[in-house]
Amino acid sequence: MLTCRTGKRIYQTEAVAEDALIDAHSRNNYSGSGPVAVYRCEECGYWHFTSKGAINERLALLLKNGKLNLQQEASQWEKKLKR
């Protein structure tokens, strides 16, 4: 796992960072906290998560239409079945 000198995980492109953001929300129940968007870092030039600012459009759409809840349920079942 690559990290920036800021200590944050590096994502090579904005699209990869957005996919990872949505995956993180699928695996974790942030309940109003946690990362909400991605940004390009001035230190390293790569992409990171942020919990500040406006919510990512793709993430907002998944939350609005209920698809993120379905992904979260699927992730919870995967964890239970792996035990």
N, C-alpha and C. Protein backbone atom coordinates (compact mmCIF):
# COMPACT_ATOMS: atom_id res chain seq x y z
N MET A 1 0.84 -1.17 0.00
CA MET A 1 0.00 0.00 0.00
C MET A 1 0.89 1.24 0.00
N LEU A 2 0.67 2.08 -0.98
CA LEU A 2 1.43 3.31 -1.07
C LEU A 2 0.80 4.38 -0.20
N THR A 3 1.64 5.16 0.43
CA THR A 3 1.13 6.28 1.23
C THR A 3 1.89 7.55 0.87
N CYS A 4 1.22 8.65 1.07
CA CYS A 4 1.78 9.98 0.87
C CYS A 4 2.60 10.36 2.11
N ARG A 5 3.41 11.35 2.00
CA ARG A 5 4.16 11.80 3.19
C ARG A 5 3.23 12.36 4.24
N THR A 6 1.97 12.66 3.86
CA THR A 6 0.96 13.10 4.82
C THR A 6 0.42 11.92 5.63
N GLY A 7 0.76 10.69 5.19
CA GLY A 7 0.30 9.50 5.88
C GLY A 7 -0.97 8.91 5.28
N LYS A 8 -1.54 9.58 4.30
CA LYS A 8 -2.76 9.09 3.68
C LYS A 8 -2.45 8.10 2.57
N ARG A 9 -3.39 7.17 2.34
CA ARG A 9 -3.27 6.19 1.28
C ARG A 9 -3.36 6.89 -0.08
N ILE A 10 -2.56 6.41 -1.03
CA ILE A 10 -2.50 6.99 -2.37
C ILE A 10 -3.39 6.19 -3.32
N TYR A 11 -4.15 6.93 -4.13
CA TYR A 11 -4.91 6.34 -5.23
C TYR A 11 -4.41 7.00 -6.51
N GLN A 12 -4.10 6.19 -7.51
CA GLN A 12 -3.46 6.68 -8.74
C GLN A 12 -4.31 7.66 -9.55
N THR A 13 -5.64 7.42 -9.60
CA THR A 13 -6.52 8.27 -10.39
C THR A 13 -7.76 8.64 -9.56
N GLU A 14 -8.47 9.64 -10.04
CA GLU A 14 -9.70 10.04 -9.37
C GLU A 14 -10.73 8.92 -9.40
N ALA A 15 -10.83 8.23 -10.54
CA ALA A 15 -11.80 7.13 -10.67
C ALA A 15 -11.50 6.00 -9.69
N VAL A 16 -10.24 5.65 -9.54
CA VAL A 16 -9.85 4.59 -8.60
C VAL A 16 -10.16 5.04 -7.17
N ALA A 17 -9.90 6.30 -6.87
CA ALA A 17 -10.19 6.83 -5.52
C ALA A 17 -11.69 6.81 -5.24
N GLU A 18 -12.51 7.19 -6.23
CA GLU A 18 -13.96 7.16 -6.04
C GLU A 18 -14.46 5.74 -5.82
N ASP A 19 -13.94 4.79 -6.61
CA ASP A 19 -14.32 3.38 -6.42
C ASP A 19 -13.96 2.92 -5.01
N ALA A 20 -12.77 3.29 -4.55
CA ALA A 20 -12.32 2.90 -3.21
C ALA A 20 -13.18 3.56 -2.13
N LEU A 21 -13.58 4.81 -2.36
CA LEU A 21 -14.45 5.52 -1.42
C LEU A 21 -15.78 4.80 -1.27
N ILE A 22 -16.37 4.41 -2.39
CA ILE A 22 -17.65 3.71 -2.36
C ILE A 22 -17.48 2.33 -1.72
N ASP A 23 -16.39 1.66 -2.03
CA ASP A 23 -16.12 0.36 -1.42
C ASP A 23 -15.96 0.49 0.09
N ALA A 24 -15.28 1.53 0.53
CA ALA A 24 -15.10 1.76 1.98
C ALA A 24 -16.45 1.97 2.66
N HIS A 25 -17.33 2.70 2.00
CA HIS A 25 -18.66 2.91 2.57
C HIS A 25 -19.47 1.62 2.56
N SER A 26 -19.22 0.76 1.59
CA SER A 26 -19.93 -0.53 1.53
C SER A 26 -19.50 -1.45 2.67
N ARG A 27 -18.20 -1.42 2.99
CA ARG A 27 -17.66 -2.31 4.02
C ARG A 27 -17.84 -1.78 5.44
N ASN A 28 -17.94 -0.46 5.58
CA ASN A 28 -18.00 0.16 6.91
C ASN A 28 -19.28 0.97 7.03
N ASN A 29 -19.87 0.91 8.17
CA ASN A 29 -21.06 1.72 8.42
C ASN A 29 -20.61 2.99 9.11
N TYR A 30 -20.36 4.03 8.33
CA TYR A 30 -19.82 5.27 8.89
C TYR A 30 -20.84 6.08 9.68
N SER A 31 -22.12 5.88 9.45
CA SER A 31 -23.19 6.54 10.21
C SER A 31 -22.98 8.05 10.35
N GLY A 32 -22.82 8.71 9.23
CA GLY A 32 -22.70 10.17 9.25
C GLY A 32 -21.29 10.70 9.43
N SER A 33 -20.34 9.82 9.62
CA SER A 33 -18.95 10.26 9.71
C SER A 33 -18.14 9.53 8.64
N GLY A 34 -16.87 9.75 8.61
CA GLY A 34 -16.02 9.07 7.65
C GLY A 34 -15.82 9.88 6.38
N PRO A 35 -15.12 9.31 5.42
CA PRO A 35 -14.80 10.04 4.20
C PRO A 35 -16.06 10.30 3.35
N VAL A 36 -16.10 11.47 2.71
CA VAL A 36 -17.25 11.81 1.87
C VAL A 36 -16.87 12.15 0.44
N ALA A 37 -15.58 12.35 0.18
CA ALA A 37 -15.14 12.76 -1.15
C ALA A 37 -13.66 12.41 -1.35
N VAL A 38 -13.18 12.70 -2.55
CA VAL A 38 -11.76 12.51 -2.86
C VAL A 38 -11.18 13.83 -3.34
N TYR A 39 -9.89 13.99 -3.23
CA TYR A 39 -9.23 15.21 -3.69
C TYR A 39 -7.81 14.89 -4.15
N ARG A 40 -7.29 15.76 -5.03
CA ARG A 40 -5.90 15.62 -5.48
C ARG A 40 -5.00 16.35 -4.48
N CYS A 41 -4.02 15.63 -3.99
CA CYS A 41 -3.10 16.15 -2.98
C CYS A 41 -2.05 17.07 -3.60
N GLU A 42 -1.82 18.20 -2.96
CA GLU A 42 -0.79 19.14 -3.42
C GLU A 42 0.61 18.63 -3.10
N GLU A 43 0.73 17.75 -2.11
CA GLU A 43 2.03 17.21 -1.71
C GLU A 43 2.56 16.17 -2.70
N CYS A 44 1.70 15.21 -3.07
CA CYS A 44 2.17 14.09 -3.89
C CYS A 44 1.55 14.03 -5.28
N GLY A 45 0.46 14.76 -5.49
CA GLY A 45 -0.18 14.78 -6.80
C GLY A 45 -1.16 13.63 -7.03
N TYR A 46 -1.29 12.74 -6.05
CA TYR A 46 -2.22 11.62 -6.18
C TYR A 46 -3.52 11.96 -5.44
N TRP A 47 -4.40 10.99 -5.37
CA TRP A 47 -5.74 11.21 -4.82
C TRP A 47 -5.88 10.58 -3.44
N HIS A 48 -6.63 11.26 -2.55
CA HIS A 48 -6.89 10.79 -1.19
C HIS A 48 -8.37 10.99 -0.86
N PHE A 49 -8.80 10.36 0.25
CA PHE A 49 -10.14 10.59 0.80
C PHE A 49 -10.12 11.85 1.67
N THR A 50 -11.28 12.48 1.80
CA THR A 50 -11.46 13.56 2.74
C THR A 50 -12.83 13.45 3.40
N SER A 51 -12.92 13.89 4.64
CA SER A 51 -14.20 13.90 5.33
C SER A 51 -14.78 15.32 5.35
N LYS A 52 -14.14 16.23 4.65
CA LYS A 52 -14.57 17.62 4.60
C LYS A 52 -15.17 17.94 3.22
N GLY A 53 -16.01 18.95 3.21
CA GLY A 53 -16.55 19.43 1.94
C GLY A 53 -17.80 18.70 1.51
N ALA A 54 -18.15 18.92 0.24
CA ALA A 54 -19.36 18.33 -0.33
C ALA A 54 -19.18 16.85 -0.59
N ILE A 55 -20.26 16.09 -0.46
CA ILE A 55 -20.23 14.66 -0.68
C ILE A 55 -20.03 14.37 -2.18
N ASN A 56 -19.26 13.33 -2.46
CA ASN A 56 -19.01 12.88 -3.83
C ASN A 56 -20.34 12.57 -4.52
N GLU A 57 -20.48 12.98 -5.76
CA GLU A 57 -21.75 12.81 -6.49
C GLU A 57 -22.16 11.34 -6.61
N ARG A 58 -21.22 10.47 -6.95
CA ARG A 58 -21.55 9.04 -7.08
C ARG A 58 -21.99 8.46 -5.75
N LEU A 59 -21.29 8.82 -4.68
CA LEU A 59 -21.64 8.34 -3.35
C LEU A 59 -23.02 8.85 -2.95
N ALA A 60 -23.29 10.12 -3.21
CA ALA A 60 -24.59 10.71 -2.88
C ALA A 60 -25.71 10.00 -3.62
N LEU A 61 -25.50 9.68 -4.88
CA LEU A 61 -26.53 8.99 -5.66
C LEU A 61 -26.80 7.59 -5.11
N LEU A 62 -25.74 6.87 -4.75
CA LEU A 62 -25.90 5.53 -4.17
C LEU A 62 -26.63 5.59 -2.83
N LEU A 63 -26.36 6.60 -2.05
CA LEU A 63 -27.06 6.78 -0.78
C LEU A 63 -28.54 7.10 -1.01
N LYS A 64 -28.78 7.99 -1.97
CA LYS A 64 -30.15 8.44 -2.24
C LYS A 64 -31.04 7.31 -2.76
N ASN A 65 -30.51 6.49 -3.67
CA ASN A 65 -31.34 5.45 -4.28
C ASN A 65 -31.32 4.13 -3.50
N GLY A 66 -30.63 4.10 -2.37
CA GLY A 66 -30.64 2.92 -1.51
C GLY A 66 -29.68 1.81 -1.89
N LYS A 67 -28.93 2.01 -2.96
CA LYS A 67 -28.02 0.95 -3.41
C LYS A 67 -26.85 0.74 -2.46
N LEU A 68 -26.44 1.79 -1.79
CA LEU A 68 -25.33 1.63 -0.84
C LEU A 68 -25.77 0.76 0.33
N ASN A 69 -27.02 0.91 0.77
CA ASN A 69 -27.53 0.06 1.85
C ASN A 69 -27.49 -1.41 1.44
N LEU A 70 -27.85 -1.69 0.21
CA LEU A 70 -27.81 -3.07 -0.28
C LEU A 70 -26.37 -3.60 -0.29
N GLN A 71 -25.43 -2.76 -0.73
CA GLN A 71 -24.02 -3.17 -0.73
C GLN A 71 -23.52 -3.40 0.69
N GLN A 72 -23.97 -2.57 1.63
CA GLN A 72 -23.56 -2.74 3.03
C GLN A 72 -24.10 -4.05 3.59
N GLU A 73 -25.34 -4.37 3.28
CA GLU A 73 -25.93 -5.64 3.73
C GLU A 73 -25.16 -6.82 3.16
N ALA A 74 -24.84 -6.76 1.89
CA ALA A 74 -24.08 -7.84 1.24
C ALA A 74 -22.72 -8.00 1.91
N SER A 75 -22.07 -6.90 2.22
CA SER A 75 -20.77 -6.95 2.87
C SER A 75 -20.87 -7.56 4.27
N GLN A 76 -21.93 -7.22 5.00
CA GLN A 76 -22.12 -7.79 6.34
C GLN A 76 -22.32 -9.31 6.25
N TRP A 77 -23.10 -9.75 5.27
CA TRP A 77 -23.31 -11.19 5.10
C TRP A 77 -22.01 -11.90 4.72
N GLU A 78 -21.21 -11.25 3.87
CA GLU A 78 -19.91 -11.85 3.51
C GLU A 78 -19.06 -12.06 4.75
N LYS A 79 -19.01 -11.05 5.62
CA LYS A 79 -18.22 -11.15 6.86
C LYS A 79 -18.73 -12.29 7.73
N LYS A 80 -20.06 -12.41 7.86
CA LYS A 80 -20.64 -13.46 8.68
C LYS A 80 -20.33 -14.83 8.11
N LEU A 81 -20.41 -14.98 6.82
CA LEU A 81 -20.20 -16.28 6.19
C LEU A 81 -18.73 -16.71 6.18
N LYS A 82 -17.83 -15.76 6.28
CA LYS A 82 -16.39 -16.06 6.29
C LYS A 82 -15.93 -16.60 7.65
N ARG A 83 -16.73 -16.40 8.68
CA ARG A 83 -16.35 -16.84 10.04
C ARG A 83 -16.33 -18.32 10.15
